[in-house]
Every structure is written in structure tokens, then in C-alpha cells.
Protein backbone atom coordinates (compact mmCIF):
# COMPACT_ATOMS: atom_id res chain seq x y z
CA MET A 1 -13.14 9.77 -49.37
CA THR A 2 -12.98 6.34 -47.49
CA VAL A 3 -12.05 4.30 -50.47
CA SER A 4 -9.07 6.67 -51.42
CA VAL A 5 -7.83 6.35 -47.92
CA THR A 6 -8.17 2.49 -47.83
CA ALA A 7 -6.32 2.58 -51.00
CA ILE A 8 -3.47 4.73 -50.14
CA ALA A 9 -3.24 4.88 -46.33
CA ALA A 10 -3.81 1.47 -45.27
CA PRO A 11 -1.01 -0.69 -46.62
CA ALA A 12 1.31 2.16 -45.11
CA LEU A 13 -0.55 1.81 -41.97
CA ALA A 14 -0.39 -2.12 -41.86
CA SER A 15 3.32 -1.89 -42.53
CA SER A 16 4.25 0.99 -40.08
CA THR A 17 2.09 -0.66 -37.43
CA ALA A 18 4.50 -3.90 -37.74
CA THR A 19 7.30 -1.78 -36.63
CA ALA A 20 8.99 -3.25 -33.67
CA THR A 21 12.18 -1.09 -33.54
CA ALA A 22 10.67 1.83 -35.78
CA THR A 23 13.20 4.42 -37.20
CA ALA A 24 12.37 7.79 -38.09
CA ALA A 25 11.09 8.58 -41.73
CA PRO A 26 11.05 12.10 -43.38
CA ALA A 27 8.02 13.75 -42.21
CA GLY A 28 5.51 14.18 -44.91
CA ASN A 29 6.31 10.85 -46.55
CA PRO A 30 3.74 8.06 -44.93
CA SER A 31 5.08 5.55 -47.03
CA SER A 32 8.39 5.66 -45.28
CA ALA A 33 7.07 5.00 -42.10
CA ALA A 34 7.70 1.29 -42.65
CA SER A 35 11.20 0.07 -41.09
CA THR A 36 13.16 -2.63 -39.97
CA GLY A 37 11.18 -5.53 -38.05
CA SER A 38 8.88 -8.43 -38.66
CA SER A 39 5.79 -8.17 -40.49
CA PHE A 40 2.69 -7.44 -37.88
CA ALA A 41 0.03 -7.72 -40.85
CA ALA A 42 0.11 -8.44 -44.58
CA GLU A 43 -0.56 -5.32 -46.69
CA GLY A 44 -4.25 -4.56 -46.65
CA ALA A 45 -4.99 -6.50 -43.73
CA LEU A 46 -6.38 -3.63 -41.85
CA ASP A 47 -8.30 -2.36 -44.68
CA ARG A 48 -11.56 -3.66 -43.04
CA TYR A 49 -10.71 -1.76 -40.14
CA VAL A 50 -9.96 1.33 -41.99
CA GLN A 51 -13.31 1.21 -44.02
CA GLN A 52 -15.37 1.58 -40.56
CA LYS A 53 -17.94 4.46 -40.78
CA PRO A 54 -18.34 5.83 -37.17
CA GLN A 55 -21.85 6.46 -36.42
CA TRP A 56 -21.82 9.76 -34.63
CA LYS A 57 -24.41 10.71 -32.01
CA ARG A 58 -24.80 13.13 -29.14
CA CYS A 59 -22.84 11.70 -26.35
CA GLN A 60 -25.09 12.28 -23.74
CA ALA A 61 -28.72 13.89 -23.75
CA ASP A 62 -27.34 16.78 -21.22
CA SER A 63 -24.10 17.14 -23.19
CA PRO A 64 -23.86 19.81 -25.84
CA ALA A 65 -25.17 18.82 -29.52
CA GLU A 66 -21.43 19.41 -30.92
CA PHE A 67 -20.01 17.10 -28.66
CA GLU A 68 -20.18 13.83 -30.48
CA CYS A 69 -19.45 10.19 -29.58
CA ALA A 70 -19.21 6.80 -31.40
CA THR A 71 -17.21 3.63 -31.48
CA ILE A 72 -15.05 1.82 -33.60
CA GLU A 73 -13.28 -1.70 -33.73
CA VAL A 74 -9.65 -2.33 -33.50
CA PRO A 75 -7.51 -5.57 -33.37
CA LEU A 76 -6.36 -6.61 -29.91
CA ASP A 77 -3.27 -7.98 -31.36
CA TYR A 78 -2.01 -5.87 -34.57
CA ARG A 79 0.32 -9.30 -35.35
CA ALA A 80 -3.05 -10.94 -36.03
CA PRO A 81 -5.68 -8.70 -37.07
CA GLY A 82 -8.11 -11.33 -38.35
CA GLY A 83 -8.43 -12.29 -34.78
CA LYS A 84 -9.85 -10.86 -31.59
CA ARG A 85 -11.33 -7.33 -31.93
CA ILE A 86 -11.87 -4.51 -29.09
CA SER A 87 -14.00 -1.44 -28.92
CA LEU A 88 -12.35 2.01 -29.00
CA ALA A 89 -14.90 4.80 -27.61
CA ILE A 90 -14.11 7.85 -29.68
CA SER A 91 -15.54 11.56 -29.50
CA ARG A 92 -15.08 14.65 -31.51
CA ILE A 93 -16.15 18.72 -31.52
CA LYS A 94 -15.89 19.84 -35.06
CA ALA A 95 -13.86 22.74 -36.27
CA THR A 96 -15.93 26.08 -35.80
CA ALA A 97 -14.67 27.44 -38.94
CA PRO A 98 -14.84 24.65 -41.85
CA GLY A 99 -13.35 27.14 -44.25
CA LYS A 100 -10.35 27.44 -42.03
CA ARG A 101 -10.06 23.73 -40.94
CA HIS A 102 -6.50 22.31 -40.76
CA GLY A 103 -7.33 18.97 -39.76
CA VAL A 104 -7.85 16.98 -36.39
CA LEU A 105 -6.39 17.27 -32.96
CA PHE A 106 -5.98 14.42 -30.83
CA SER A 107 -5.37 14.42 -27.21
CA ASN A 108 -4.70 12.32 -24.14
CA PRO A 109 -4.98 13.63 -20.21
CA GLY A 110 -2.23 11.11 -18.94
CA GLY A 111 -2.71 8.21 -16.82
CA PRO A 112 -1.92 5.68 -17.80
CA GLY A 113 -5.56 4.38 -17.14
CA MET A 114 -7.37 7.93 -17.51
CA GLN A 115 -10.16 8.44 -19.76
CA GLY A 116 -9.59 10.66 -22.77
CA ARG A 117 -13.27 10.59 -24.18
CA TYR A 118 -14.35 13.85 -22.65
CA MET A 119 -11.14 15.70 -23.85
CA PRO A 120 -12.54 17.45 -26.62
CA MET A 121 -14.85 19.24 -23.95
CA GLY A 122 -12.29 20.27 -21.86
CA MET A 123 -10.14 21.26 -24.91
CA GLN A 124 -12.88 23.37 -26.17
CA ASP A 125 -12.68 25.45 -22.89
CA ARG A 126 -8.83 25.76 -23.07
CA LEU A 127 -8.08 26.37 -26.56
CA PRO A 128 -8.42 29.83 -28.00
CA GLU A 129 -10.84 30.43 -30.70
CA SER A 130 -8.01 30.63 -33.29
CA THR A 131 -7.29 27.03 -32.75
CA ARG A 132 -10.82 25.76 -32.40
CA GLN A 133 -11.39 27.32 -35.97
CA LYS A 134 -8.83 24.94 -37.31
CA TYR A 135 -9.17 21.65 -35.93
CA ASP A 136 -11.70 18.74 -35.08
CA LEU A 137 -11.03 17.98 -31.54
CA ILE A 138 -10.76 14.19 -31.18
CA GLY A 139 -10.79 12.40 -27.76
CA PHE A 140 -10.77 8.62 -27.13
CA ASP A 141 -10.73 6.35 -24.21
CA PRO A 142 -7.24 4.43 -24.68
CA ARG A 143 -7.74 0.67 -25.24
CA GLY A 144 -8.67 -1.04 -22.11
CA VAL A 145 -9.82 2.12 -20.25
CA GLY A 146 -13.25 3.57 -19.78
CA GLU A 147 -15.68 2.64 -22.42
CA SER A 148 -12.87 1.04 -24.72
CA SER A 149 -13.31 -2.65 -23.60
CA PRO A 150 -12.04 -1.85 -20.16
CA VAL A 151 -10.01 -4.49 -18.40
CA SER A 152 -10.11 -5.65 -14.91
CA CYS A 153 -8.13 -7.54 -12.54
CA GLY A 154 -10.91 -8.04 -10.26
CA LEU A 155 -9.07 -6.29 -7.35
CA LYS A 156 -10.46 -5.23 -3.92
CA PRO A 157 -9.84 -1.52 -3.11
CA GLU A 158 -7.28 -2.21 -0.44
CA GLU A 159 -5.33 -4.15 -3.32
CA GLU A 160 -5.06 -1.28 -5.53
CA ASP A 161 -2.97 0.61 -3.21
CA TRP A 162 0.19 -0.07 -5.67
CA LEU A 163 2.77 2.68 -3.98
CA ARG A 164 3.48 1.17 -0.44
CA PRO A 165 6.16 2.30 2.21
CA TYR A 166 9.05 -0.34 3.06
CA LYS A 167 8.60 -1.92 6.28
CA GLU A 168 10.96 -4.56 7.27
CA LYS A 169 8.04 -6.31 9.08
CA THR A 170 5.60 -6.08 6.45
CA PHE A 171 7.82 -6.77 3.18
CA ASP A 172 7.08 -10.45 3.01
CA LYS A 173 3.19 -9.49 3.05
CA ASP A 174 3.93 -6.90 0.44
CA VAL A 175 5.76 -9.62 -1.69
CA ALA A 176 2.85 -11.90 -1.40
CA TRP A 177 0.28 -8.94 -2.26
CA ALA A 178 2.48 -8.04 -5.51
CA ARG A 179 2.36 -11.73 -6.47
CA ASP A 180 -1.24 -12.21 -5.83
CA VAL A 181 -2.11 -8.94 -7.97
CA ALA A 182 -0.24 -10.17 -10.71
CA ASN A 183 -1.79 -13.53 -10.61
CA LYS A 184 -5.19 -12.16 -10.42
CA CYS A 185 -4.66 -9.95 -13.46
CA LYS A 186 -3.26 -12.81 -15.40
CA GLU A 187 -6.33 -15.10 -14.46
CA LYS A 188 -9.02 -12.47 -15.04
CA ALA A 189 -7.70 -10.62 -18.20
CA GLY A 190 -4.42 -12.32 -19.07
CA ASP A 191 -5.69 -13.08 -22.74
CA THR A 192 -6.31 -9.07 -23.27
CA LEU A 193 -3.57 -7.26 -20.62
CA PRO A 194 -0.44 -8.33 -22.77
CA TYR A 195 -1.85 -6.10 -25.64
CA ILE A 196 -2.66 -3.15 -23.52
CA THR A 197 0.53 -1.11 -24.36
CA THR A 198 1.37 2.28 -25.27
CA ARG A 199 2.70 1.00 -28.58
CA ASN A 200 -0.56 -0.48 -29.36
CA THR A 201 -2.49 2.61 -28.30
CA ALA A 202 -0.36 4.61 -30.61
CA ARG A 203 -1.27 2.24 -33.31
CA ASP A 204 -4.96 2.74 -32.61
CA MET A 205 -4.50 6.37 -32.95
CA ASP A 206 -3.24 5.69 -36.39
CA LEU A 207 -6.09 3.32 -37.62
CA LEU A 208 -8.35 6.20 -36.07
CA ARG A 209 -6.73 8.53 -38.23
CA ALA A 210 -7.35 6.49 -41.19
CA VAL A 211 -10.86 5.92 -40.43
CA LEU A 212 -11.13 9.68 -40.12
CA GLY A 213 -9.84 10.15 -43.68
CA GLU A 214 -6.94 12.02 -42.40
CA LYS A 215 -3.35 12.20 -43.92
CA ARG A 216 -1.74 13.24 -40.58
CA ILE A 217 -2.71 14.26 -37.15
CA SER A 218 -1.95 16.94 -34.58
CA TYR A 219 -2.01 16.11 -31.05
CA MET A 220 -1.73 17.37 -27.36
CA GLY A 221 -0.65 14.98 -24.64
CA THR A 222 -0.04 15.66 -20.88
CA SER A 223 2.34 13.69 -18.63
CA TYR A 224 1.85 9.98 -19.71
CA GLY A 225 0.36 11.72 -22.82
CA THR A 226 3.97 12.70 -23.83
CA TYR A 227 5.20 9.32 -23.96
CA LEU A 228 2.17 8.19 -26.07
CA GLY A 229 2.64 11.23 -28.40
CA ALA A 230 6.42 10.28 -28.58
CA VAL A 231 5.88 6.68 -29.43
CA TYR A 232 3.60 7.93 -31.98
CA THR A 233 6.18 9.78 -33.78
CA GLN A 234 8.47 7.05 -33.47
CA LEU A 235 6.12 4.49 -35.06
CA PHE A 236 4.66 6.69 -37.63
CA PRO A 237 6.75 9.75 -38.39
CA GLY A 238 5.39 10.63 -41.54
CA ARG A 239 1.64 11.05 -39.84
CA ALA A 240 2.83 13.37 -37.15
CA ASP A 241 1.84 17.20 -37.81
CA ARG A 242 1.80 19.40 -34.86
CA PHE A 243 2.57 17.96 -31.26
CA VAL A 244 2.30 19.55 -27.94
CA LEU A 245 3.83 17.27 -25.30
CA ASP A 246 3.17 18.84 -21.95
CA SER A 247 5.14 17.90 -18.91
CA ALA A 248 7.07 15.13 -20.50
CA VAL A 249 8.15 11.55 -19.73
CA ASP A 250 11.77 10.49 -20.34
CA PRO A 251 11.42 7.37 -22.47
CA ALA A 252 14.33 5.76 -21.33
CA HIS A 253 13.14 5.82 -17.89
CA ALA A 254 9.85 4.14 -18.68
CA TRP A 255 8.55 3.00 -16.27
CA ARG A 256 10.24 2.12 -13.42
CA GLY A 257 12.74 4.97 -13.32
CA MET A 258 10.03 7.57 -13.78
CA ILE A 259 8.30 6.14 -10.69
CA GLN A 260 11.59 6.56 -9.14
CA TRP A 261 12.05 9.94 -10.14
CA TRP A 262 8.88 10.82 -8.21
CA ALA A 263 11.22 10.25 -5.01
CA LYS A 264 14.41 12.00 -6.44
CA GLY A 265 12.20 14.96 -7.58
CA ALA A 266 10.47 15.42 -4.28
CA GLU A 267 13.57 16.13 -2.36
CA PRO A 268 14.77 19.62 -4.24
CA ALA A 269 10.74 20.80 -4.01
CA PHE A 270 11.02 19.78 -0.28
CA ASP A 271 14.25 21.90 0.24
CA ARG A 272 12.43 24.78 -1.63
CA TRP A 273 9.84 24.63 0.56
CA THR A 274 11.73 24.90 3.86
CA GLU A 275 13.45 27.88 2.35
CA TRP A 276 10.21 29.39 1.52
CA ALA A 277 8.64 28.72 4.64
CA ALA A 278 11.69 29.85 6.97
CA ASP A 279 11.66 33.17 5.01
CA ARG A 280 8.08 33.68 6.43
CA SER A 281 8.31 32.29 9.59
CA GLU A 282 6.86 35.36 11.35
CA LYS A 283 3.55 34.52 9.45
CA TYR A 284 3.57 30.67 9.61
CA GLY A 285 5.77 29.71 12.84
CA LEU A 286 7.45 26.89 11.25
CA GLY A 287 10.88 27.87 11.94
CA ASP A 288 12.89 30.87 11.05
CA THR A 289 15.86 28.82 8.87
CA PRO A 290 15.11 25.84 6.47
CA LYS A 291 16.78 23.52 8.91
CA LYS A 292 14.13 24.29 11.63
CA VAL A 293 11.27 23.87 9.05
CA ASP A 294 12.76 20.65 8.16
CA ARG A 295 12.89 19.46 11.74
CA THR A 296 9.40 20.76 12.42
CA PHE A 297 7.95 18.52 9.78
CA TRP A 298 10.06 15.36 10.56
CA ASN A 299 9.13 15.62 14.27
CA LEU A 300 5.65 15.52 13.00
CA VAL A 301 6.39 12.20 11.20
CA ALA A 302 8.03 10.65 14.13
CA GLN A 303 4.89 11.73 16.62
CA ALA A 304 2.53 10.03 14.07
CA ASP A 305 4.73 7.09 13.67
CA GLU A 306 4.34 6.93 17.64
CA LYS A 307 0.76 7.55 17.41
CA PRO A 308 -1.45 8.26 14.22
CA ILE A 309 -2.56 11.74 14.01
CA GLU A 310 -6.37 12.13 13.29
CA MET A 311 -7.35 14.30 10.50
CA ASP A 312 -10.89 14.17 9.21
CA GLY A 313 -11.73 11.17 11.19
CA ARG A 314 -9.12 9.22 10.05
CA PRO A 315 -5.74 8.32 11.71
CA ASN A 316 -2.76 9.14 9.68
CA THR A 317 0.82 7.67 10.16
CA GLY A 318 4.26 8.92 9.50
CA ASP A 319 4.29 7.33 6.33
CA ASP A 320 1.22 8.91 5.40
CA LEU A 321 2.66 12.26 6.18
CA ARG A 322 5.83 11.51 3.82
CA SER A 323 3.30 10.55 1.06
CA GLY A 324 1.28 13.63 1.66
CA ILE A 325 4.24 16.01 1.51
CA ARG A 326 5.24 14.89 -1.68
CA SER A 327 2.48 16.28 -3.46
CA ALA A 328 1.95 19.32 -1.21
CA VAL A 329 5.42 20.61 -1.97
CA PHE A 330 4.45 21.27 -5.66
CA SER A 331 3.50 24.36 -4.34
CA PRO A 332 5.52 26.01 -1.21
CA GLU A 333 2.51 27.99 0.23
CA TYR A 334 -0.02 25.01 -0.08
CA ALA A 335 2.39 22.92 1.95
CA THR A 336 3.27 25.53 4.25
CA GLU A 337 -0.60 26.13 5.15
CA GLY A 338 -1.04 22.43 5.31
CA VAL A 339 1.91 21.70 7.76
CA VAL A 340 0.36 24.64 9.99
CA GLU A 341 -2.65 22.94 10.10
CA LEU A 342 -1.14 19.46 10.51
CA LYS A 343 0.64 20.90 13.77
CA LYS A 344 -2.88 21.80 15.09
CA ALA A 345 -4.12 18.47 14.71
CA ALA A 346 -0.96 16.75 16.25
CA ALA A 347 -1.83 18.97 18.92
CA GLY A 348 -5.38 17.84 19.14
CA LYS A 349 -6.73 21.26 18.20
CA PRO A 350 -9.19 21.87 15.62
CA ALA A 351 -7.49 22.33 12.01
CA SER A 352 -8.85 23.09 8.62
CA THR A 353 -9.88 20.16 6.73
CA LYS A 354 -9.49 21.79 3.35
CA LYS A 355 -5.88 22.85 4.01
CA LEU A 356 -4.89 19.28 5.34
CA ALA A 357 -6.25 17.67 2.34
CA ALA A 358 -2.79 16.63 0.82
CA PHE A 359 -2.15 14.56 4.18
CA ALA A 360 -5.74 13.39 5.18
CA GLY A 361 -6.25 9.95 3.92
CA ALA A 362 -2.76 9.95 1.92
CA GLY A 363 -2.86 6.24 2.42
CA GLY A 364 0.74 5.90 0.53
CA ALA A 365 -0.66 7.69 -2.39
CA GLY A 366 -4.22 6.26 -2.84
CA THR A 367 -5.63 5.07 -6.20
CA ALA A 368 -7.03 6.57 -9.10
CA GLY A 369 -9.63 4.81 -11.03
CA ALA A 370 -10.99 5.48 -14.72
CA ALA A 371 -13.20 8.04 -13.22
CA GLY A 372 -16.31 9.13 -14.91
CA ASP A 373 -17.80 5.90 -16.04
CA ALA A 374 -19.98 3.99 -14.00
CA GLU A 375 -20.18 0.86 -16.54
CA ALA A 376 -16.11 0.38 -16.08
CA PRO A 377 -14.99 -1.98 -13.59
CA SER A 378 -14.13 -0.45 -10.21
CA ASP A 379 -10.47 -1.36 -10.72
CA ASN A 380 -10.27 -0.30 -14.21
CA GLY A 381 -7.98 2.65 -13.69
CA THR A 382 -5.48 0.19 -11.53
CA ALA A 383 -5.68 -2.55 -13.97
CA SER A 384 -4.88 -0.44 -16.93
CA LEU A 385 -2.27 1.22 -15.24
CA LEU A 386 -0.58 -1.88 -14.40
CA ALA A 387 -0.74 -3.22 -17.84
CA ILE A 388 1.17 -0.29 -19.19
CA VAL A 389 3.50 -0.03 -16.32
CA CYS A 390 4.36 -3.44 -16.09
CA GLY A 391 3.82 -4.33 -19.71
CA ASP A 392 5.55 -1.72 -21.90
CA ASN A 393 8.82 -2.81 -20.75
CA SER A 394 9.15 -5.81 -18.61
CA ALA A 395 12.97 -5.88 -18.74
CA VAL A 396 13.14 -3.15 -16.37
CA TRP A 397 11.46 -4.74 -13.48
CA SER A 398 13.51 -7.34 -11.62
CA ARG A 399 12.08 -10.95 -10.86
CA ASP A 400 14.09 -10.91 -7.56
CA PRO A 401 12.05 -9.63 -4.63
CA GLU A 402 15.14 -8.91 -2.71
CA SER A 403 16.43 -6.58 -4.99
CA TYR A 404 13.39 -4.35 -4.44
CA ARG A 405 14.12 -4.70 -0.59
CA ARG A 406 17.60 -3.38 -1.16
CA ASP A 407 16.56 -0.83 -3.41
CA ALA A 408 14.03 0.49 -1.21
CA VAL A 409 16.10 0.52 1.96
CA LYS A 410 18.83 2.45 -0.12
CA ASP A 411 16.31 4.97 -1.86
CA LYS A 412 14.67 5.75 1.56
CA GLY A 413 18.15 6.72 2.73
CA ARG A 414 18.93 8.97 -0.04
CA TYR A 415 15.14 10.16 -0.80
CA PRO A 416 13.66 9.77 2.89
CA LEU A 417 10.37 11.55 1.72
CA PHE A 418 9.31 8.78 -0.86
CA GLY A 419 12.31 6.73 -1.81
CA ASP A 420 11.02 3.41 -0.25
CA PHE A 421 7.11 4.11 -1.71
CA ALA A 422 8.83 4.28 -5.15
CA SER A 423 11.49 1.47 -5.01
CA SER A 424 9.67 -1.13 -3.11
CA VAL A 425 8.17 -4.16 -4.76
CA LYS A 426 5.34 -3.77 -7.42
CA PRO A 427 3.50 -6.42 -9.26
CA CYS A 428 5.27 -5.91 -12.25
CA ALA A 429 7.76 -8.03 -10.50
CA PHE A 430 5.82 -11.09 -11.17
CA TRP A 431 4.01 -9.86 -14.65
CA ASP A 432 4.54 -11.75 -17.92
CA LYS A 433 7.16 -10.85 -20.30
CA SER A 434 6.27 -7.92 -22.75
CA VAL A 435 5.34 -9.16 -25.99
CA GLU A 436 7.25 -6.35 -27.75
CA PRO A 437 10.67 -4.82 -26.85
CA ALA A 438 10.31 -1.16 -25.24
CA THR A 439 10.22 1.74 -27.87
CA ARG A 440 13.33 3.63 -28.32
CA VAL A 441 12.36 7.24 -29.20
CA ASN A 442 14.97 8.94 -31.42
CA ASN A 443 13.67 10.82 -34.33
CA GLY A 444 13.46 14.35 -35.91
CA VAL A 445 9.80 14.71 -36.14
CA GLY A 446 8.99 18.29 -35.09
CA SER A 447 7.11 18.83 -31.69
CA LEU A 448 6.79 21.53 -28.79
CA ILE A 449 7.87 20.40 -25.44
CA VAL A 450 6.24 22.58 -22.53
CA GLN A 451 7.65 22.04 -18.85
CA ASN A 452 7.59 23.59 -15.67
CA GLU A 453 10.59 23.98 -13.62
CA TRP A 454 9.12 22.85 -10.37
CA ASP A 455 7.33 19.47 -11.42
CA PRO A 456 8.17 16.76 -9.16
CA GLN A 457 6.06 14.23 -11.00
CA THR A 458 8.00 14.54 -14.44
CA PRO A 459 10.96 16.69 -13.58
CA LEU A 460 12.39 19.33 -15.50
CA PRO A 461 15.49 16.88 -16.40
CA SER A 462 12.58 14.53 -17.74
CA GLY A 463 11.37 16.83 -20.24
CA GLN A 464 15.02 17.79 -21.57
CA ALA A 465 15.65 14.19 -21.92
CA LEU A 466 12.59 13.74 -24.40
CA HIS A 467 13.63 16.99 -25.99
CA ALA A 468 17.22 15.32 -26.88
CA ASP A 469 15.19 12.23 -28.13
CA LEU A 470 13.14 14.22 -30.23
CA LYS A 471 15.75 16.04 -32.34
CA GLY A 472 13.09 18.20 -34.36
CA SER A 473 11.61 19.55 -31.22
CA LYS A 474 11.72 22.81 -29.46
CA MET A 475 11.17 23.15 -25.60
CA VAL A 476 9.17 25.73 -23.54
CA THR A 477 10.77 26.11 -20.05
CA VAL A 478 8.48 27.90 -17.26
CA LEU A 479 11.22 29.34 -14.77
CA GLY A 480 9.45 29.02 -11.48
CA GLY A 481 6.70 27.47 -12.65
CA GLU A 482 4.99 25.14 -10.30
CA GLY A 483 2.49 22.21 -10.79
CA HIS A 484 2.39 19.15 -12.98
CA GLY A 485 0.69 20.31 -16.26
CA VAL A 486 1.43 23.50 -17.81
CA TYR A 487 -1.22 24.48 -20.59
CA PRO A 488 -2.82 26.66 -20.33
CA ASN A 489 -1.44 28.52 -17.38
CA GLY A 490 -2.63 31.99 -18.01
CA ASN A 491 1.06 33.03 -18.82
CA ALA A 492 1.13 34.85 -22.02
CA CYS A 493 4.62 33.61 -22.75
CA THR A 494 3.84 29.89 -22.48
CA ASP A 495 0.22 30.01 -23.85
CA GLY A 496 1.26 32.04 -26.70
CA ALA A 497 4.00 29.79 -27.92
CA VAL A 498 1.64 26.84 -27.79
CA ALA A 499 -1.30 28.74 -29.45
CA ASP A 500 0.96 30.09 -32.24
CA TYR A 501 2.58 26.53 -32.96
CA LEU A 502 -0.93 25.04 -33.17
CA ARG A 503 -1.99 27.89 -35.35
CA THR A 504 0.94 28.20 -37.75
CA GLY A 505 2.61 24.94 -37.25
CA LYS A 506 5.77 26.88 -37.05
CA LEU A 507 7.84 25.97 -34.30
CA PRO A 508 9.89 28.70 -32.23
CA ALA A 509 13.31 29.34 -33.73
CA LYS A 510 14.88 28.39 -30.68
CA ASP A 511 14.03 27.07 -27.26
CA VAL A 512 11.62 29.23 -25.20
CA THR A 513 12.23 30.61 -21.59
CA CYS A 514 9.28 31.86 -20.06
CA GLU A 515 9.14 33.47 -16.37
CA ALA A 516 6.29 31.98 -14.20
CA THR A 517 3.57 34.57 -13.19
CA ALA A 518 1.89 34.75 -9.49
CA GLY A 519 -1.23 33.75 -11.62
CA PRO A 520 -0.43 30.29 -12.55
CA ASN A 521 1.17 29.44 -9.19
CA ALA A 522 -1.93 30.44 -7.61
CA GLU A 523 -4.15 28.45 -9.56
CA ALA A 524 -1.78 25.46 -8.64
CA ARG A 525 -2.62 25.91 -5.21
CA LYS A 526 -6.31 26.65 -5.66
CA ASN A 527 -6.40 23.39 -7.90
CA GLN A 528 -4.93 21.30 -5.08
CA ARG A 529 -7.26 18.60 -4.04
CA PRO A 530 -6.57 15.29 -2.45
CA ASP A 531 -6.69 13.53 -5.69
CA VAL A 532 -5.38 16.22 -8.03
CA LEU A 533 -1.71 17.41 -8.27
CA PRO A 534 -1.32 21.22 -8.22
CA GLY A 535 -1.22 22.99 -11.53
CA SER A 536 -2.95 20.18 -13.32
CA PRO A 537 -5.17 21.35 -16.12
CA LEU A 538 -7.38 18.67 -15.79
CA PRO A 539 -9.43 16.85 -13.37
CA GLY A 540 -8.39 13.59 -11.91
CA ARG A 541 -4.82 13.68 -12.20
CA ALA A 542 -3.88 11.98 -8.77
CA PRO A 543 -0.51 11.72 -7.02
CA ASP A 544 -0.11 7.95 -8.45
CA ARG A 545 -0.44 8.80 -11.78
CA PHE A 546 1.33 10.32 -14.58
């Protein structure tokens, strides 16, 4: 099988991997995946990679026997496949009914900077048996992450806090921090970081497809994973089979615009919360009108600015409260319960640590490493995130520090909860120029986009924008749906649409609207932890990640 894949698939992979500005090709015609752009690799240059035979073995002594791991090599730079190689850690759980097997189902949990090697374990629990029968579940740590040749900038924990509020008196220090981080990354990993990009991760996926002997792949991606999936459909349209894109990124806003959308998306969610809490003022006592609830919160911010409020042994400033409420209002009930306890803490009274979780230690949105791998450098999650966020499209990041000051001041006025966090200076201002132009997503590949109405992390308009870019897609919108990450949510309408598509390959005849049920939104509240957004179907989705 490998020989035939090499003879037939590898040349097409090499040419489509070369794409710099790929255009859509008819689905099912791999040879037409090549398009305009200078050649990245001569025909057949990737044959030696395709001919790899993964040495599958049990992932860990205490993991299920069916969960297998292996490592393959991929070129660091697809323009020079004869050059440096890096490792790609991969995993699988085989289809449970070989006679019904349809193919492979790749997955990505989001991030950037989140490991995906353990995804088949989670997918095994989340997918219905009818789907597990049909697919080998394939996971992988994206290049530069976890066990896939992990990158590091040698950052100290305090340097990883990359979402910082704007303060006139500290702005010069923040600019110096951003410059230092960019310089550290260049000094520590400057020969590698330029190639840790979404486009190259998509190429890795296609190389893995060929190594596995598959003509096409199916895929489930959440948050950042939707962008990775969309880029794959653009570069390799003939290789995309059934794609589920959950809580979608707008490709045109990758990545500064998507970060700024966190601030824009927080405001309507906050307003919704004030209405919810006001309607239940007898129970919670935060105010009997939205305006009074609003004032209750901002009075607490003012108090914390004057004298930090101690929570769980840590002083919390007004900036911490602003950052914390952004994630808390994903669920109005969760936010309300948290602010009730916040009032107690502000008055020096005992308060529930669990219900204060969104606020305690918010620290400007915190950091999230590539959790779960003791061997990865401690700053791997941040280093790999910066590589993608700064390197995918350096053109959207101004080189003028003063422009970030102006934007932060302006956006704090427009979006007082988080505008300055999102728009103030980032290390991307001092990052090297991208080695490739950004990917313009515009194709007719079939896919299913799934979106909650109340998702401030990748807001509904973001999902609608990707739907417009993927002209062959259909969209499932959960009206009243809370949280970031939809599938599975226990809603028969939503879960059924995804399961039917994966089982049959048939998209709904038209876009689908589902009504949120109490169960999924209650689950969003239950799942809330300091480093996990409500509604996330996967662990480790932090408020500073997609």
C-alpha cells in the first residue's frame, strides 16, 4: 500500500504543499490541489517522508492498549525538504468495526500551543459508537508543541503573561517586555520558530495522511483548530473529506483581530449578564436593574484599584476583576454567583473559593502551557502560541509601539472590560516578518460549522464569516448556547447534526438552528475552572487561548 501511495499521492502532496496562495480545487481530485505559487519542493522530493512506517506501540503503560503512539519525521521547511527534520508525535485508536471503516478522523483541540496527541482518548468518549466504528481516530501534537520537537523561548513565568492591561505609567516597561520576549525567542529558537505556522501544520497533516496510506482525511477541530482545518481545505481541497469546525475563527482576523474580538465580544455578554442578574435580584442582591448590576461590578473594580481585594490568599486588582469577568460572563449564572462572593471578599467576609475561581488569580488572563508533558519546556505553550499568532501573518502587527498605545486607550474606552488587554503591545510588534503570506480562505470544500450564540471567545459573527469563506459549508447555530466549544453538548439537535454528517458524509440541506437546552448551559457552569472556559469540551482551554 505504501508504494502505491508514494507513486500516486506523494507528487501531488509535494506540489500542493508548494502552494503559497492556494485556490480551491474540485473535491475528490487530488491532482488538482496544486495551484499558483512558486514550487516548494520538486516532484517526489517528499517520497522519503511518505515511505515512513510508523512504529506503533502502546502510548503509556497505564493507557488503554488500543491507544497507540508513534513518531514520524517531517521537514522543518517544506521549501527545503532535504534540510532539517523535526519530529511529529502521532497517535491513533483504530475503528471498532473494520468492516464498516470509512477512513481516518484527525482532530485538533485548539490553542495554538495545545497538545493533540491525547485527542483520540477524548474523542473515543465523545463520539457515538456509530462514528467510532467508521474511523481510525488520529491525534498529533502540532509541530513545536508537546512531544513534536517542542519549541522554547527560555521565558520566565512572569514573561509569559502576554495579555497586559494598558497603564500609562507602565507602558514603556510593557514595550520593553514585548521587545525582550521577541528577542529571546529569536535567540533561543530563531532557526525554528519561523516555520512553526498554521500552514506548515496543515502540510504536516497532509504528509501524515500520505504516511497512513489515506487518500483523504476527515477532521474535527475546535477554536484555533477551525482555522487549521480551514487552511487545510485551502491548501489541499481534494484531500478534505468530512470536516467539523467547532467555534470558528474568522480567517480574515487571524490573529490580532481575533484577539481584539475577545474585547468586543465581552461587552454584549456582560450586558446579557446584567439583565440576567437584575431579573433575579431578590435571590442575588446585585441590583434590580441592569444599570444597578453594572454599577455594583464597577464599584468593586474601583475598590480593588484603590486597595486590592484578597481572594484565596492573593491580592486582586481592578484589572484582575475586569479580566476575570470576561470569562465569567460566558455563563450569566456563573458570573452572578461569582460577583456575589466577590462582594463578600471585598467586605472582608468569608467567600467561596470555588465560586471566585474566575477572579482569583486572574492575573491579566494568565498563561497556559502545553499541559500534560513533563518533558516539554515550561514555556512551550507560550512559545508555540507566539510563533503562530505572530508568525502566521506578521503584516497585521504594527511595528510602531505608539500605535498600540493609541489602540489600547481607544479600545479601553469602547470595550472597558478588556479592550486595553487585547489591543496593547504584544511581542508580535517585534517579531520577524512571516516567511509566507497569510492564507486567504475561499473555497467550496464541504464542511459543518458549529457555533454557540453566546461565545465571546470566537463570537457568532466569527463563525458566520468562516461559513461565508467556505462556500460549500453548512452551519449549525445554537441559539442561547453558552460557552466556547459546542460538541458534544447533550443537545439532540446539535449532536445529531454532527453525528449524522460524520456517519453519512451528507451535510444538512440548509443551515440548522438549534435551541439551547438547560443541560448544556448547566454543563458550561459546572466545567468552569480558573484555566478552563465554560462549555469547553476539552480540558485546558484557558481564557488566553483559542
